Every structure is written in structure tokens, then in C-alpha cells.
Amino acid sequence: MARNINENKNMALSALLREEDNNSDDNQRNYQVVTSNRGNSRLRLQQRWQRLNQLRAENKMLEDKLKFLEKEIRFLKKLFVTQARISQINLSRSVLKTLMSDTTSDILKNDLTKSQSSS
């Protein structure tokens, strides 16, 4: 009977040790997963910042290009109107208004209004 009790104690002790080993393995795997996930999160964050900076630079470049093109179109409009006056070309009031509008959005708005009214 005493032998049986000792065997039971030994079995319980070995089961407890196996459970601790399993917990230790689980903890170690969990630590590795957490470390890996944190590294992946840092990498994704870094990639997003790089993409954001790239998009900001591209946006700035496009804004500068837009400003340049708006200046160029204003110059070309003035040149056209001046040339038309010199050549005595008769321009309608709506054409002159469209040509002398300050921004491209004004031109697009006028074109949209024309297309809607003709429909």
C-alpha cells in the first residue's frame, strides 16, 4: 500500500513536471510569436511612413507642376487674345470670358455648363 502511494506521488510529480515543461514551451513559443509580430508591425509601420513620404513628395511635385501649367496657360491665353485682336478676329463674349478665366476649374465649369445646357 505504501508502495502504491509512493508510485502515485511519483506519477503525480512527473505529470506536474511535464505540465511545467509544456507551459514553458508554450511560453517560449508565445514569446517568439509576440517578438515576431512586433518586428512585423515595426516593418509595416516603417514601410507606411516611407510610402507616406513618397506620396507627399509626389504631391508637392504635382502641385508645383500644376502651378507652372496654370501660369503657362494664363500666358498663352493672353497671347492668344492679343494675337486675335491684332488679327482683327471677332471673338464672341463667351469665348473671351472662357479664355480669360483665371483657373482651369473655371474653364471646366464653363464646359460642363455648356454641355448640360445643350442637352
C-alpha atoms as a PDB file:
ATOM      1  CA  MET A   1       0.000   0.000   0.000  1.00  0.00           C
ATOM      2  CA  ALA A   2       2.827   2.391   0.893  1.00  0.00           C
ATOM      3  CA  ARG A   3       4.451   1.439  -2.351  1.00  0.00           C
ATOM      4  CA  ASN A   4       1.254   2.300  -4.198  1.00  0.00           C
ATOM      5  CA  ILE A   5       1.122   5.717  -2.546  1.00  0.00           C
ATOM      6  CA  ASN A   6       4.757   6.420  -3.457  1.00  0.00           C
ATOM      7  CA  GLU A   7       4.090   5.384  -7.050  1.00  0.00           C
ATOM      8  CA  ASN A   8       1.072   7.682  -7.163  1.00  0.00           C
ATOM      9  CA  LYS A   9       3.155  10.541  -5.763  1.00  0.00           C
ATOM     10  CA  ASN A  10       5.889   9.894  -8.333  1.00  0.00           C
ATOM     11  CA  MET A  11       3.346   9.765 -11.148  1.00  0.00           C
ATOM     12  CA  ALA A  12       1.728  12.989  -9.971  1.00  0.00           C
ATOM     13  CA  LEU A  13       5.138  14.644  -9.673  1.00  0.00           C
ATOM     14  CA  SER A  14       6.177  13.552 -13.169  1.00  0.00           C
ATOM     15  CA  ALA A  15       2.832  14.731 -14.576  1.00  0.00           C
ATOM     16  CA  LEU A  16       3.352  18.071 -12.868  1.00  0.00           C
ATOM     17  CA  LEU A  17       6.862  18.361 -14.316  1.00  0.00           C
ATOM     18  CA  ARG A  18       5.584  17.502 -17.809  1.00  0.00           C
ATOM     19  CA  GLU A  19       2.890  20.153 -17.450  1.00  0.00           C
ATOM     20  CA  GLU A  20       5.513  22.735 -16.404  1.00  0.00           C
ATOM     21  CA  ASP A  21       7.622  21.770 -19.434  1.00  0.00           C
ATOM     22  CA  ASN A  22       4.594  22.182 -21.681  1.00  0.00           C
ATOM     23  CA  ASN A  23       3.842  25.560 -20.121  1.00  0.00           C
ATOM     24  CA  SER A  24       7.459  26.581 -20.555  1.00  0.00           C
ATOM     25  CA  ASP A  25       7.349  25.524 -24.228  1.00  0.00           C
ATOM     26  CA  ASP A  26       4.057  27.388 -24.681  1.00  0.00           C
ATOM     27  CA  ASN A  27       5.508  30.484 -23.053  1.00  0.00           C
ATOM     28  CA  GLN A  28       8.601  30.296 -25.227  1.00  0.00           C
ATOM     29  CA  ARG A  29       6.526  29.882 -28.417  1.00  0.00           C
ATOM     30  CA  ASN A  30       4.275  32.729 -27.317  1.00  0.00           C
ATOM     31  CA  TYR A  31       7.325  34.954 -26.711  1.00  0.00           C
ATOM     32  CA  GLN A  32       8.679  34.121 -30.166  1.00  0.00           C
ATOM     33  CA  VAL A  33       5.319  34.896 -31.805  1.00  0.00           C
ATOM     34  CA  VAL A  34       4.980  38.186 -29.928  1.00  0.00           C
ATOM     35  CA  THR A  35       8.535  39.195 -30.842  1.00  0.00           C
ATOM     36  CA  SER A  36       7.936  38.284 -34.472  1.00  0.00           C
ATOM     37  CA  ASN A  37       4.633  40.196 -34.576  1.00  0.00           C
ATOM     38  CA  ARG A  38       6.232  43.281 -33.050  1.00  0.00           C
ATOM     39  CA  GLY A  39       9.006  43.140 -35.635  1.00  0.00           C
ATOM     40  CA  ASN A  40       6.471  42.769 -38.438  1.00  0.00           C
ATOM     41  CA  SER A  41       4.447  45.685 -37.046  1.00  0.00           C
ATOM     42  CA  ARG A  42       7.568  47.867 -36.938  1.00  0.00           C
ATOM     43  CA  LEU A  43       8.408  46.891 -40.510  1.00  0.00           C
ATOM     44  CA  ARG A  44       4.872  47.655 -41.755  1.00  0.00           C
ATOM     45  CA  LEU A  45       4.913  50.992 -39.924  1.00  0.00           C
ATOM     46  CA  GLN A  46       8.269  51.882 -41.452  1.00  0.00           C
ATOM     47  CA  GLN A  47       7.014  50.935 -44.926  1.00  0.00           C
ATOM     48  CA  ARG A  48       3.889  53.045 -44.434  1.00  0.00           C
ATOM     49  CA  TRP A  49       5.984  56.063 -43.386  1.00  0.00           C
ATOM     50  CA  GLN A  50       8.184  55.620 -46.445  1.00  0.00           C
ATOM     51  CA  ARG A  51       5.113  55.414 -48.695  1.00  0.00           C
ATOM     52  CA  LEU A  52       3.598  58.465 -46.980  1.00  0.00           C
ATOM     53  CA  ASN A  53       6.770  60.484 -47.525  1.00  0.00           C
ATOM     54  CA  GLN A  54       6.941  59.300 -51.127  1.00  0.00           C
ATOM     55  CA  LEU A  55       3.316  60.369 -51.713  1.00  0.00           C
ATOM     56  CA  ARG A  56       3.936  63.732 -50.058  1.00  0.00           C
ATOM     57  CA  ALA A  57       6.927  64.363 -52.312  1.00  0.00           C
ATOM     58  CA  GLU A  58       4.939  63.297 -55.372  1.00  0.00           C
ATOM     59  CA  ASN A  59       2.031  65.513 -54.320  1.00  0.00           C
ATOM     60  CA  LYS A  60       4.361  68.507 -53.867  1.00  0.00           C
ATOM     61  CA  MET A  61       5.873  67.872 -57.295  1.00  0.00           C
ATOM     62  CA  LEU A  62       2.405  67.677 -58.893  1.00  0.00           C
ATOM     63  CA  GLU A  63       1.266  70.861 -57.133  1.00  0.00           C
ATOM     64  CA  ASP A  64       4.346  72.681 -58.433  1.00  0.00           C
ATOM     65  CA  LYS A  65       3.705  71.347 -61.919  1.00  0.00           C
ATOM     66  CA  LEU A  66       0.073  72.487 -61.702  1.00  0.00           C
ATOM     67  CA  LYS A  67       1.141  75.993 -60.663  1.00  0.00           C
ATOM     68  CA  PHE A  68       3.577  76.137 -63.567  1.00  0.00           C
ATOM     69  CA  LEU A  69       0.961  74.920 -66.048  1.00  0.00           C
ATOM     70  CA  GLU A  70      -1.609  77.421 -64.738  1.00  0.00           C
ATOM     71  CA  LYS A  71       0.911  80.229 -65.270  1.00  0.00           C
ATOM     72  CA  GLU A  72       1.676  78.913 -68.719  1.00  0.00           C
ATOM     73  CA  ILE A  73      -1.989  78.702 -69.697  1.00  0.00           C
ATOM     74  CA  ARG A  74      -2.624  82.262 -68.448  1.00  0.00           C
ATOM     75  CA  PHE A  75       0.289  83.462 -70.572  1.00  0.00           C
ATOM     76  CA  LEU A  76      -0.933  81.546 -73.621  1.00  0.00           C
ATOM     77  CA  LYS A  77      -4.462  82.901 -73.175  1.00  0.00           C
ATOM     78  CA  LYS A  78      -3.195  86.459 -73.084  1.00  0.00           C
ATOM     79  CA  LEU A  79      -1.009  85.764 -76.095  1.00  0.00           C
ATOM     80  CA  PHE A  80      -3.958  84.302 -77.986  1.00  0.00           C
ATOM     81  CA  VAL A  81      -6.289  87.195 -77.178  1.00  0.00           C
ATOM     82  CA  THR A  82      -3.611  89.707 -78.094  1.00  0.00           C
ATOM     83  CA  GLN A  83      -2.961  87.916 -81.383  1.00  0.00           C
ATOM     84  CA  ALA A  84      -6.702  87.747 -82.079  1.00  0.00           C
ATOM     85  CA  ARG A  85      -7.046  91.495 -81.511  1.00  0.00           C
ATOM     86  CA  ILE A  86      -4.085  92.220 -83.764  1.00  0.00           C
ATOM     87  CA  SER A  87      -5.503  89.962 -86.476  1.00  0.00           C
ATOM     88  CA  GLN A  88      -8.931  91.539 -86.069  1.00  0.00           C
ATOM     89  CA  ILE A  89     -10.516  88.146 -85.313  1.00  0.00           C
ATOM     90  CA  ASN A  90     -14.025  88.544 -83.972  1.00  0.00           C
ATOM     91  CA  LEU A  91     -14.359  86.558 -80.713  1.00  0.00           C
ATOM     92  CA  SER A  92     -17.681  86.073 -79.016  1.00  0.00           C
ATOM     93  CA  ARG A  93     -18.126  87.315 -75.468  1.00  0.00           C
ATOM     94  CA  SER A  94     -18.462  83.782 -74.031  1.00  0.00           C
ATOM     95  CA  VAL A  95     -15.250  82.665 -75.745  1.00  0.00           C
ATOM     96  CA  LEU A  96     -13.402  85.671 -74.335  1.00  0.00           C
ATOM     97  CA  LYS A  97     -14.835  85.026 -70.874  1.00  0.00           C
ATOM     98  CA  THR A  98     -13.709  81.413 -71.041  1.00  0.00           C
ATOM     99  CA  LEU A  99     -10.275  82.353 -72.278  1.00  0.00           C
ATOM    100  CA  MET A 100      -9.732  84.986 -69.639  1.00  0.00           C
ATOM    101  CA  SER A 101     -10.925  82.903 -66.688  1.00  0.00           C
ATOM    102  CA  ASP A 102      -8.198  82.584 -64.091  1.00  0.00           C
ATOM    103  CA  THR A 103      -8.214  78.906 -63.398  1.00  0.00           C
ATOM    104  CA  THR A 104      -8.621  75.668 -65.203  1.00  0.00           C
ATOM    105  CA  SER A 105     -11.515  74.802 -62.901  1.00  0.00           C
ATOM    106  CA  ASP A 106     -13.382  77.838 -64.297  1.00  0.00           C
ATOM    107  CA  ILE A 107     -12.883  76.518 -67.821  1.00  0.00           C
ATOM    108  CA  LEU A 108     -14.054  73.062 -66.822  1.00  0.00           C
ATOM    109  CA  LYS A 109     -17.091  74.558 -65.079  1.00  0.00           C
ATOM    110  CA  ASN A 110     -17.972  76.550 -68.210  1.00  0.00           C
ATOM    111  CA  ASP A 111     -17.581  73.475 -70.404  1.00  0.00           C
ATOM    112  CA  LEU A 112     -19.776  71.463 -68.051  1.00  0.00           C
ATOM    113  CA  THR A 113     -22.442  74.186 -68.063  1.00  0.00           C
ATOM    114  CA  LYS A 114     -22.405  74.306 -71.860  1.00  0.00           C
ATOM    115  CA  SER A 115     -22.758  70.554 -72.191  1.00  0.00           C
ATOM    116  CA  GLN A 116     -25.658  70.484 -69.718  1.00  0.00           C
ATOM    117  CA  SER A 117     -27.488  73.348 -71.402  1.00  0.00           C
ATOM    118  CA  SER A 118     -27.122  71.806 -74.855  1.00  0.00           C
ATOM    119  CA  SER A 119     -28.558  68.502 -73.642  1.00  0.00           C
END
